[in-house]
Amino acid sequence: MIATIKKEMFNNRVRQILSFVPSAVFPAIIFPAIFYDNSGYFQIEDNPKILAAAIAMIIGIMTKNILATILSGLASYWFLIFVI
C-alpha cells in the first residue's frame, strides 16, 4: 500500500519518521540469526557469530563501507568456525 503512494504526498515530518524504519527493522532481523542456535535456544557461550558480528561492526564503523563490513564479518566468522 505505501509502496504505491508517491513520495510527494508525504510531508517532511512523515518522510523523516519513515527514514528511520530500515534502521529499526534491520536489528530485529539480524538479532535472532546471531544469538539463537538452530534449535531456537538463546546461545551466548561458545558462539562465534557474536564475535564475528562485533568484528564486522567495528570494521563498519571505521570504514563506513558496506562491502568491507560484509566481507570482514564473513571472513572472521569462517575463520572462527574452520580454524579455531
Protein backbone atom coordinates (compact mmCIF):
# COMPACT_ATOMS: atom_id res chain seq x y z
CA MET A 1 0.00 0.00 0.00
CA ILE A 2 2.68 2.50 0.99
CA ALA A 3 4.85 1.48 -1.98
CA THR A 4 2.16 2.70 -4.37
CA ILE A 5 1.94 6.15 -2.76
CA LYS A 6 4.15 8.85 -4.22
CA LYS A 7 6.82 10.43 -2.02
CA GLU A 8 5.49 13.89 -2.73
CA MET A 9 2.25 13.08 -0.90
CA PHE A 10 4.05 12.89 2.46
CA ASN A 11 5.05 15.99 4.35
CA ASN A 12 8.63 16.41 5.58
CA ARG A 13 7.86 15.15 9.09
CA VAL A 14 6.41 11.85 7.82
CA ARG A 15 9.36 11.39 5.44
CA GLN A 16 11.77 11.97 8.31
CA ILE A 17 9.99 9.44 10.53
CA LEU A 18 9.83 6.83 7.74
CA SER A 19 13.54 7.25 7.04
CA PHE A 20 14.24 5.55 10.40
CA VAL A 21 12.25 2.40 9.56
CA PRO A 22 15.10 0.46 7.86
CA SER A 23 17.40 1.19 10.82
CA ALA A 24 14.81 -0.11 13.25
CA VAL A 25 13.89 -3.24 11.28
CA PHE A 26 17.44 -4.40 10.46
CA PRO A 27 18.46 -5.27 14.07
CA ALA A 28 15.19 -7.17 14.54
CA ILE A 29 16.07 -9.33 11.56
CA ILE A 30 19.74 -9.84 12.46
CA PHE A 31 19.41 -10.46 16.24
CA PRO A 32 17.85 -13.96 16.05
CA ALA A 33 20.36 -15.08 13.42
CA ILE A 34 23.26 -14.15 15.70
CA PHE A 35 22.04 -15.11 19.16
CA TYR A 36 19.74 -18.13 18.60
CA ASP A 37 21.04 -21.56 17.68
CA ASN A 38 19.37 -23.96 15.25
CA SER A 39 17.04 -25.36 17.89
CA GLY A 40 15.81 -21.90 18.94
CA TYR A 41 17.71 -21.56 22.21
CA PHE A 42 19.44 -18.32 23.18
CA GLN A 43 23.17 -19.03 22.96
CA ILE A 44 25.86 -16.68 24.22
CA GLU A 45 28.65 -19.05 25.26
CA ASP A 46 30.85 -20.53 22.52
CA ASN A 47 29.04 -18.59 19.80
CA PRO A 48 31.39 -17.46 17.00
CA LYS A 49 28.63 -15.38 15.41
CA ILE A 50 28.77 -12.85 18.25
CA LEU A 51 32.49 -12.25 17.84
CA ALA A 52 32.19 -12.11 14.04
CA ALA A 53 29.34 -9.58 14.34
CA ALA A 54 31.42 -7.45 16.72
CA ILE A 55 34.37 -7.50 14.31
CA ALA A 56 32.10 -6.59 11.39
CA MET A 57 30.56 -3.78 13.42
CA ILE A 58 33.98 -2.33 14.27
CA ILE A 59 35.09 -2.54 10.63
CA GLY A 60 31.81 -0.94 9.54
CA ILE A 61 32.20 1.95 11.94
CA MET A 62 35.83 2.51 10.98
CA THR A 63 35.49 2.23 7.19
CA LYS A 64 31.82 3.18 6.61
CA ASN A 65 31.94 0.73 3.71
CA ILE A 66 29.22 -1.90 3.46
CA LEU A 67 31.30 -4.27 1.32
CA ALA A 68 34.20 -4.18 3.78
CA THR A 69 31.76 -4.80 6.63
CA ILE A 70 30.18 -7.82 4.95
CA LEU A 71 33.49 -9.33 3.89
CA SER A 72 35.11 -8.82 7.29
CA GLY A 73 32.11 -10.40 9.02
CA LEU A 74 32.13 -13.40 6.72
CA ALA A 75 35.90 -13.83 6.87
CA SER A 76 36.01 -13.59 10.65
CA TYR A 77 33.06 -15.99 11.03
CA TRP A 78 34.61 -18.56 8.70
CA PHE A 79 37.97 -18.17 10.42
CA LEU A 80 36.38 -18.77 13.82
CA ILE A 81 34.46 -21.80 12.60
CA PHE A 82 37.08 -23.57 10.48
CA VAL A 83 40.42 -22.55 12.04
CA ILE A 84 39.80 -22.08 15.74
